[in-house]
């Protein structure tokens, strides 16, 4: 039996939801994080700062796969501003 991660996103799906000017980090392999029970990927914003995007399994169960991704991106986008205040 193979271990199939509960949540997976393609690069195209991720790039569709991250803000314009952001990119997926080179050398980072997006994937399931069993300790945090979510899908994680490192993204780089327009200022070349890297951020971890985490889509929780619980959010997918509550809102659906794509809506959970959208909400995680929105949360990250707002959270990064708090870092600089």
PDB file of N, CA and C in Angstrom:
ATOM      1  N   UNK A   1       0.848  -1.194   0.000  1.00  0.00           N
ATOM      2  CA  UNK A   1       0.000   0.000   0.000  1.00  0.00           C
ATOM      3  C   UNK A   1       0.883   1.243   0.000  1.00  0.00           C
ATOM      4  N   UNK A   2       0.592   2.175  -0.871  1.00  0.00           N
ATOM      5  CA  UNK A   2       1.357   3.413  -0.931  1.00  0.00           C
ATOM      6  C   UNK A   2       0.675   4.480  -0.088  1.00  0.00           C
ATOM      7  N   UNK A   3       1.493   5.360   0.444  1.00  0.00           N
ATOM      8  CA  UNK A   3       0.951   6.465   1.232  1.00  0.00           C
ATOM      9  C   UNK A   3       0.616   7.614   0.300  1.00  0.00           C
ATOM     10  N   UNK A   4      -0.646   7.877   0.129  1.00  0.00           N
ATOM     11  CA  UNK A   4      -1.096   8.975  -0.711  1.00  0.00           C
ATOM     12  C   UNK A   4      -1.427  10.149   0.201  1.00  0.00           C
ATOM     13  N   UNK A   5      -0.775  11.296  -0.008  1.00  0.00           N
ATOM     14  CA  UNK A   5      -1.064  12.464   0.836  1.00  0.00           C
ATOM     15  C   UNK A   5      -2.518  12.885   0.705  1.00  0.00           C
ATOM     16  N   UNK A   6      -3.126  13.319   1.801  1.00  0.00           N
ATOM     17  CA  UNK A   6      -4.528  13.755   1.760  1.00  0.00           C
ATOM     18  C   UNK A   6      -4.772  14.976   0.875  1.00  0.00           C
ATOM     19  N   UNK A   7      -3.784  15.863   0.791  1.00  0.00           N
ATOM     20  CA  UNK A   7      -3.948  17.083  -0.018  1.00  0.00           C
ATOM     21  C   UNK A   7      -2.733  17.226  -0.927  1.00  0.00           C
ATOM     22  N   UNK A   8      -2.981  17.535  -2.172  1.00  0.00           N
ATOM     23  CA  UNK A   8      -1.903  17.853  -3.111  1.00  0.00           C
ATOM     24  C   UNK A   8      -2.396  18.976  -4.022  1.00  0.00           C
ATOM     25  N   UNK A   9      -1.471  19.829  -4.428  1.00  0.00           N
ATOM     26  CA  UNK A   9      -1.757  20.888  -5.389  1.00  0.00           C
ATOM     27  C   UNK A   9      -0.678  20.855  -6.458  1.00  0.00           C
ATOM     28  N   UNK A  10      -1.061  21.140  -7.676  1.00  0.00           N
ATOM     29  CA  UNK A  10      -0.080  21.241  -8.750  1.00  0.00           C
ATOM     30  C   UNK A  10       0.565  22.622  -8.708  1.00  0.00           C
ATOM     31  N   UNK A  11       1.702  22.770  -9.368  1.00  0.00           N
ATOM     32  CA  UNK A  11       2.345  24.084  -9.457  1.00  0.00           C
ATOM     33  C   UNK A  11       1.417  25.094 -10.114  1.00  0.00           C
ATOM     34  N   UNK A  12       0.686  24.666 -11.115  1.00  0.00           N
ATOM     35  CA  UNK A  12      -0.237  25.574 -11.818  1.00  0.00           C
ATOM     36  C   UNK A  12      -1.322  26.068 -10.865  1.00  0.00           C
ATOM     37  N   UNK A  13      -1.869  25.186 -10.047  1.00  0.00           N
ATOM     38  CA  UNK A  13      -2.891  25.615  -9.079  1.00  0.00           C
ATOM     39  C   UNK A  13      -2.300  26.608  -8.085  1.00  0.00           C
ATOM     40  N   UNK A  14      -1.130  26.309  -7.570  1.00  0.00           N
ATOM     41  CA  UNK A  14      -0.498  27.210  -6.601  1.00  0.00           C
ATOM     42  C   UNK A  14      -0.207  28.562  -7.229  1.00  0.00           C
ATOM     43  N   UNK A  15       0.373  28.555  -8.419  1.00  0.00           N
ATOM     44  CA  UNK A  15       0.710  29.811  -9.093  1.00  0.00           C
ATOM     45  C   UNK A  15      -0.533  30.613  -9.466  1.00  0.00           C
ATOM     46  N   UNK A  16      -1.658  29.954  -9.625  1.00  0.00           N
ATOM     47  CA  UNK A  16      -2.904  30.649  -9.949  1.00  0.00           C
ATOM     48  C   UNK A  16      -3.432  31.449  -8.765  1.00  0.00           C
ATOM     49  N   UNK A  17      -3.085  31.033  -7.551  1.00  0.00           N
ATOM     50  CA  UNK A  17      -3.647  31.670  -6.366  1.00  0.00           C
ATOM     51  C   UNK A  17      -2.684  32.590  -5.630  1.00  0.00           C
ATOM     52  N   UNK A  18      -1.380  32.404  -5.786  1.00  0.00           N
ATOM     53  CA  UNK A  18      -0.473  33.333  -5.119  1.00  0.00           C
ATOM     54  C   UNK A  18      -0.517  34.681  -5.862  1.00  0.00           C
ATOM     55  N   UNK A  19      -0.273  35.772  -5.145  1.00  0.00           N
ATOM     56  CA  UNK A  19      -0.358  37.094  -5.767  1.00  0.00           C
ATOM     57  C   UNK A  19       0.623  37.272  -6.932  1.00  0.00           C
ATOM     58  N   UNK A  20       0.281  38.168  -7.824  1.00  0.00           N
ATOM     59  CA  UNK A  20       1.157  38.513  -8.938  1.00  0.00           C
ATOM     60  C   UNK A  20       2.498  38.989  -8.385  1.00  0.00           C
ATOM     61  N   UNK A  21       3.581  38.508  -8.953  1.00  0.00           N
ATOM     62  CA  UNK A  21       4.913  38.864  -8.497  1.00  0.00           C
ATOM     63  C   UNK A  21       5.490  37.871  -7.513  1.00  0.00           C
ATOM     64  N   UNK A  22       4.673  36.976  -6.988  1.00  0.00           N
ATOM     65  CA  UNK A  22       5.149  35.935  -6.095  1.00  0.00           C
ATOM     66  C   UNK A  22       5.474  34.707  -6.933  1.00  0.00           C
ATOM     67  N   UNK A  23       6.418  33.902  -6.450  1.00  0.00           N
ATOM     68  CA  UNK A  23       6.790  32.673  -7.149  1.00  0.00           C
ATOM     69  C   UNK A  23       6.976  31.550  -6.132  1.00  0.00           C
ATOM     70  N   UNK A  24       6.952  30.330  -6.636  1.00  0.00           N
ATOM     71  CA  UNK A  24       7.271  29.178  -5.804  1.00  0.00           C
ATOM     72  C   UNK A  24       8.788  29.139  -5.644  1.00  0.00           C
ATOM     73  N   UNK A  25       9.251  28.810  -4.455  1.00  0.00           N
ATOM     74  CA  UNK A  25      10.689  28.794  -4.176  1.00  0.00           C
ATOM     75  C   UNK A  25      11.367  27.656  -4.926  1.00  0.00           C
ATOM     76  N   UNK A  26      12.489  27.974  -5.573  1.00  0.00           N
ATOM     77  CA  UNK A  26      13.295  26.938  -6.219  1.00  0.00           C
ATOM     78  C   UNK A  26      13.899  26.047  -5.142  1.00  0.00           C
ATOM     79  N   UNK A  27      13.990  24.785  -5.424  1.00  0.00           N
ATOM     80  CA  UNK A  27      14.624  23.868  -4.492  1.00  0.00           C
ATOM     81  C   UNK A  27      13.737  23.388  -3.373  1.00  0.00           C
ATOM     82  N   UNK A  28      12.545  23.958  -3.233  1.00  0.00           N
ATOM     83  CA  UNK A  28      11.598  23.513  -2.211  1.00  0.00           C
ATOM     84  C   UNK A  28      10.623  22.543  -2.864  1.00  0.00           C
ATOM     85  N   UNK A  29      10.435  21.412  -2.238  1.00  0.00           N
ATOM     86  CA  UNK A  29       9.467  20.454  -2.754  1.00  0.00           C
ATOM     87  C   UNK A  29       8.170  20.605  -1.977  1.00  0.00           C
ATOM     88  N   UNK A  30       7.128  21.136  -2.617  1.00  0.00           N
ATOM     89  CA  UNK A  30       5.841  21.254  -1.934  1.00  0.00           C
ATOM     90  C   UNK A  30       5.326  19.876  -1.561  1.00  0.00           C
ATOM     91  N   UNK A  31       4.605  19.798  -0.465  1.00  0.00           N
ATOM     92  CA  UNK A  31       4.046  18.502  -0.116  1.00  0.00           C
ATOM     93  C   UNK A  31       3.360  18.474   1.230  1.00  0.00           C
ATOM     94  N   UNK A  32       2.906  17.291   1.560  1.00  0.00           N
ATOM     95  CA  UNK A  32       2.171  17.035   2.793  1.00  0.00           C
ATOM     96  C   UNK A  32       3.121  17.078   3.988  1.00  0.00           C
ATOM     97  N   UNK A  33       2.724  17.785   5.042  1.00  0.00           N
ATOM     98  CA  UNK A  33       3.469  17.838   6.293  1.00  0.00           C
ATOM     99  C   UNK A  33       2.638  17.097   7.342  1.00  0.00           C
ATOM    100  N   UNK A  34       3.007  15.856   7.674  1.00  0.00           N
ATOM    101  CA  UNK A  34       2.182  15.071   8.580  1.00  0.00           C
ATOM    102  C   UNK A  34       2.100  15.647   9.997  1.00  0.00           C
ATOM    103  N   UNK A  35       3.156  16.314  10.448  1.00  0.00           N
ATOM    104  CA  UNK A  35       3.134  16.891  11.799  1.00  0.00           C
ATOM    105  C   UNK A  35       2.135  18.033  11.907  1.00  0.00           C
ATOM    106  N   UNK A  36       2.036  18.814  10.850  1.00  0.00           N
ATOM    107  CA  UNK A  36       1.147  19.987  10.867  1.00  0.00           C
ATOM    108  C   UNK A  36      -0.189  19.707  10.205  1.00  0.00           C
ATOM    109  N   UNK A  37      -0.346  18.494   9.686  1.00  0.00           N
ATOM    110  CA  UNK A  37      -1.590  18.054   9.050  1.00  0.00           C
ATOM    111  C   UNK A  37      -2.051  19.041   7.985  1.00  0.00           C
ATOM    112  N   UNK A  38      -1.132  19.294   7.054  1.00  0.00           N
ATOM    113  CA  UNK A  38      -1.453  20.206   5.976  1.00  0.00           C
ATOM    114  C   UNK A  38      -0.446  20.118   4.846  1.00  0.00           C
ATOM    115  N   UNK A  39      -0.793  20.771   3.748  1.00  0.00           N
ATOM    116  CA  UNK A  39       0.072  20.869   2.580  1.00  0.00           C
ATOM    117  C   UNK A  39       0.891  22.135   2.730  1.00  0.00           C
ATOM    118  N   UNK A  40       2.215  22.039   2.583  1.00  0.00           N
ATOM    119  CA  UNK A  40       3.059  23.217   2.740  1.00  0.00           C
ATOM    120  C   UNK A  40       3.946  23.421   1.518  1.00  0.00           C
ATOM    121  N   UNK A  41       4.190  24.698   1.260  1.00  0.00           N
ATOM    122  CA  UNK A  41       5.071  25.086   0.169  1.00  0.00           C
ATOM    123  C   UNK A  41       5.676  26.439   0.534  1.00  0.00           C
ATOM    124  N   UNK A  42       6.903  26.659   0.096  1.00  0.00           N
ATOM    125  CA  UNK A  42       7.546  27.954   0.319  1.00  0.00           C
ATOM    126  C   UNK A  42       7.319  28.826  -0.905  1.00  0.00           C
ATOM    127  N   UNK A  43       6.862  30.053  -0.658  1.00  0.00           N
ATOM    128  CA  UNK A  43       6.655  31.021  -1.738  1.00  0.00           C
ATOM    129  C   UNK A  43       7.544  32.230  -1.475  1.00  0.00           C
ATOM    130  N   UNK A  44       7.907  32.922  -2.530  1.00  0.00           N
ATOM    131  CA  UNK A  44       8.737  34.121  -2.417  1.00  0.00           C
ATOM    132  C   UNK A  44       7.922  35.305  -2.916  1.00  0.00           C
ATOM    133  N   UNK A  45       7.836  36.340  -2.082  1.00  0.00           N
ATOM    134  CA  UNK A  45       7.037  37.508  -2.465  1.00  0.00           C
ATOM    135  C   UNK A  45       7.841  38.430  -3.374  1.00  0.00           C
ATOM    136  N   UNK A  46       7.250  39.522  -3.780  1.00  0.00           N
ATOM    137  CA  UNK A  46       7.876  40.464  -4.699  1.00  0.00           C
ATOM    138  C   UNK A  46       9.096  41.158  -4.134  1.00  0.00           C
ATOM    139  N   UNK A  47       9.314  41.040  -2.817  1.00  0.00           N
ATOM    140  CA  UNK A  47      10.497  41.634  -2.173  1.00  0.00           C
ATOM    141  C   UNK A  47      11.586  40.600  -1.931  1.00  0.00           C
ATOM    142  N   UNK A  48      11.446  39.437  -2.531  1.00  0.00           N
ATOM    143  CA  UNK A  48      12.390  38.323  -2.386  1.00  0.00           C
ATOM    144  C   UNK A  48      12.452  37.750  -0.980  1.00  0.00           C
ATOM    145  N   UNK A  49      11.382  37.902  -0.215  1.00  0.00           N
ATOM    146  CA  UNK A  49      11.286  37.280   1.102  1.00  0.00           C
ATOM    147  C   UNK A  49      10.521  35.974   0.963  1.00  0.00           C
ATOM    148  N   UNK A  50      10.979  34.951   1.684  1.00  0.00           N
ATOM    149  CA  UNK A  50      10.280  33.672   1.567  1.00  0.00           C
ATOM    150  C   UNK A  50       9.304  33.479   2.727  1.00  0.00           C
ATOM    151  N   UNK A  51       8.200  32.814   2.406  1.00  0.00           N
ATOM    152  CA  UNK A  51       7.109  32.589   3.339  1.00  0.00           C
ATOM    153  C   UNK A  51       6.619  31.158   3.179  1.00  0.00           C
ATOM    154  N   UNK A  52       6.174  30.589   4.270  1.00  0.00           N
ATOM    155  CA  UNK A  52       5.590  29.259   4.189  1.00  0.00           C
ATOM    156  C   UNK A  52       4.080  29.375   4.053  1.00  0.00           C
ATOM    157  N   UNK A  53       3.571  28.752   3.016  1.00  0.00           N
ATOM    158  CA  UNK A  53       2.133  28.679   2.799  1.00  0.00           C
ATOM    159  C   UNK A  53       1.685  27.310   3.277  1.00  0.00           C
ATOM    160  N   UNK A  54       0.733  27.275   4.197  1.00  0.00           N
ATOM    161  CA  UNK A  54       0.232  26.020   4.750  1.00  0.00           C
ATOM    162  C   UNK A  54      -1.274  25.958   4.560  1.00  0.00           C
ATOM    163  N   UNK A  55      -1.725  24.898   3.897  1.00  0.00           N
ATOM    164  CA  UNK A  55      -3.161  24.647   3.723  1.00  0.00           C
ATOM    165  C   UNK A  55      -3.501  23.477   4.631  1.00  0.00           C
ATOM    166  N   UNK A  56      -4.251  23.732   5.679  1.00  0.00           N
ATOM    167  CA  UNK A  56      -4.590  22.711   6.671  1.00  0.00           C
ATOM    168  C   UNK A  56      -5.652  21.744   6.138  1.00  0.00           C
ATOM    169  N   UNK A  57      -5.498  20.481   6.514  1.00  0.00           N
ATOM    170  CA  UNK A  57      -6.478  19.464   6.145  1.00  0.00           C
ATOM    171  C   UNK A  57      -7.864  19.829   6.659  1.00  0.00           C
ATOM    172  N   UNK A  58      -7.935  20.379   7.861  1.00  0.00           N
ATOM    173  CA  UNK A  58      -9.225  20.756   8.442  1.00  0.00           C
ATOM    174  C   UNK A  58      -9.927  21.823   7.601  1.00  0.00           C
ATOM    175  N   UNK A  59      -9.152  22.738   7.015  1.00  0.00           N
ATOM    176  CA  UNK A  59      -9.740  23.768   6.150  1.00  0.00           C
ATOM    177  C   UNK A  59     -10.279  23.148   4.864  1.00  0.00           C
ATOM    178  N   UNK A  60      -9.573  22.156   4.336  1.00  0.00           N
ATOM    179  CA  UNK A  60     -10.036  21.468   3.129  1.00  0.00           C
ATOM    180  C   UNK A  60     -11.346  20.749   3.412  1.00  0.00           C
ATOM    181  N   UNK A  61     -11.427  20.099   4.564  1.00  0.00           N
ATOM    182  CA  UNK A  61     -12.647  19.386   4.933  1.00  0.00           C
ATOM    183  C   UNK A  61     -13.822  20.344   5.119  1.00  0.00           C
ATOM    184  N   UNK A  62     -13.542  21.526   5.625  1.00  0.00           N
ATOM    185  CA  UNK A  62     -14.607  22.506   5.885  1.00  0.00           C
ATOM    186  C   UNK A  62     -15.019  23.285   4.634  1.00  0.00           C
ATOM    187  N   UNK A  63     -14.049  23.686   3.811  1.00  0.00           N
ATOM    188  CA  UNK A  63     -14.342  24.603   2.706  1.00  0.00           C
ATOM    189  C   UNK A  63     -14.137  24.014   1.318  1.00  0.00           C
ATOM    190  N   UNK A  64     -13.490  22.878   1.226  1.00  0.00           N
ATOM    191  CA  UNK A  64     -13.145  22.324  -0.081  1.00  0.00           C
ATOM    192  C   UNK A  64     -11.698  22.652  -0.413  1.00  0.00           C
ATOM    193  N   UNK A  65     -11.149  21.892  -1.323  1.00  0.00           N
ATOM    194  CA  UNK A  65      -9.726  21.954  -1.636  1.00  0.00           C
ATOM    195  C   UNK A  65      -9.261  23.307  -2.177  1.00  0.00           C
ATOM    196  N   UNK A  66      -9.942  23.823  -3.169  1.00  0.00           N
ATOM    197  CA  UNK A  66      -9.523  25.087  -3.798  1.00  0.00           C
ATOM    198  C   UNK A  66      -9.835  26.283  -2.901  1.00  0.00           C
ATOM    199  N   UNK A  67     -10.989  26.286  -2.262  1.00  0.00           N
ATOM    200  CA  UNK A  67     -11.336  27.390  -1.360  1.00  0.00           C
ATOM    201  C   UNK A  67     -10.363  27.441  -0.177  1.00  0.00           C
ATOM    202  N   UNK A  68      -9.941  26.290   0.315  1.00  0.00           N
ATOM    203  CA  UNK A  68      -8.962  26.262   1.406  1.00  0.00           C
ATOM    204  C   UNK A  68      -7.635  26.861   0.955  1.00  0.00           C
ATOM    205  N   UNK A  69      -7.233  26.586  -0.270  1.00  0.00           N
ATOM    206  CA  UNK A  69      -6.010  27.188  -0.824  1.00  0.00           C
ATOM    207  C   UNK A  69      -6.162  28.700  -0.911  1.00  0.00           C
ATOM    208  N   UNK A  70      -7.279  29.166  -1.428  1.00  0.00           N
ATOM    209  CA  UNK A  70      -7.506  30.610  -1.547  1.00  0.00           C
ATOM    210  C   UNK A  70      -7.443  31.292  -0.178  1.00  0.00           C
ATOM    211  N   UNK A  71      -8.077  30.691   0.810  1.00  0.00           N
ATOM    212  CA  UNK A  71      -8.086  31.267   2.152  1.00  0.00           C
ATOM    213  C   UNK A  71      -6.692  31.277   2.770  1.00  0.00           C
ATOM    214  N   UNK A  72      -5.926  30.223   2.548  1.00  0.00           N
ATOM    215  CA  UNK A  72      -4.563  30.163   3.079  1.00  0.00           C
ATOM    216  C   UNK A  72      -3.689  31.250   2.456  1.00  0.00           C
ATOM    217  N   UNK A  73      -3.837  31.476   1.151  1.00  0.00           N
ATOM    218  CA  UNK A  73      -3.078  32.529   0.475  1.00  0.00           C
ATOM    219  C   UNK A  73      -3.499  33.895   1.003  1.00  0.00           C
ATOM    220  N   UNK A  74      -4.799  34.125   1.158  1.00  0.00           N
ATOM    221  CA  UNK A  74      -5.281  35.399   1.691  1.00  0.00           C
ATOM    222  C   UNK A  74      -4.732  35.652   3.093  1.00  0.00           C
ATOM    223  N   UNK A  75      -4.736  34.630   3.930  1.00  0.00           N
ATOM    224  CA  UNK A  75      -4.224  34.759   5.294  1.00  0.00           C
ATOM    225  C   UNK A  75      -2.739  35.077   5.284  1.00  0.00           C
ATOM    226  N   UNK A  76      -1.978  34.374   4.479  1.00  0.00           N
ATOM    227  CA  UNK A  76      -0.544  34.637   4.376  1.00  0.00           C
ATOM    228  C   UNK A  76      -0.281  36.055   3.888  1.00  0.00           C
ATOM    229  N   UNK A  77      -1.033  36.494   2.902  1.00  0.00           N
ATOM    230  CA  UNK A  77      -0.861  37.835   2.343  1.00  0.00           C
ATOM    231  C   UNK A  77      -1.058  38.890   3.433  1.00  0.00           C
ATOM    232  N   UNK A  78      -2.080  38.716   4.280  1.00  0.00           N
ATOM    233  CA  UNK A  78      -2.330  39.668   5.372  1.00  0.00           C
ATOM    234  C   UNK A  78      -1.297  39.531   6.489  1.00  0.00           C
ATOM    235  N   UNK A  79      -0.924  38.296   6.819  1.00  0.00           N
ATOM    236  CA  UNK A  79       0.027  38.055   7.907  1.00  0.00           C
ATOM    237  C   UNK A  79       1.390  38.673   7.623  1.00  0.00           C
ATOM    238  N   UNK A  80       1.805  38.678   6.381  1.00  0.00           N
ATOM    239  CA  UNK A  80       3.142  39.204   6.092  1.00  0.00           C
ATOM    240  C   UNK A  80       3.231  40.697   6.379  1.00  0.00           C
ATOM    241  N   UNK A  81       2.100  41.416   6.304  1.00  0.00           N
ATOM    242  CA  UNK A  81       2.118  42.842   6.642  1.00  0.00           C
ATOM    243  C   UNK A  81       2.311  43.053   8.131  1.00  0.00           C
ATOM    244  N   UNK A  82       1.778  42.146   8.968  1.00  0.00           N
ATOM    245  CA  UNK A  82       1.930  42.264  10.417  1.00  0.00           C
ATOM    246  C   UNK A  82       3.401  42.165  10.814  1.00  0.00           C
ATOM    247  N   UNK A  83       4.170  41.445  10.040  1.00  0.00           N
ATOM    248  CA  UNK A  83       5.597  41.264  10.329  1.00  0.00           C
ATOM    249  C   UNK A  83       6.336  42.594  10.301  1.00  0.00           C
ATOM    250  N   UNK A  84       5.879  43.504   9.469  1.00  0.00           N
ATOM    251  CA  UNK A  84       6.586  44.760   9.277  1.00  0.00           C
ATOM    252  C   UNK A  84       6.021  45.913  10.099  1.00  0.00           C
ATOM    253  N   UNK A  85       4.966  45.666  10.836  1.00  0.00           N
ATOM    254  CA  UNK A  85       4.377  46.735  11.663  1.00  0.00           C
ATOM    255  C   UNK A  85       4.996  46.809  13.021  1.00  0.00           C
TER     256      UNK A  85
END
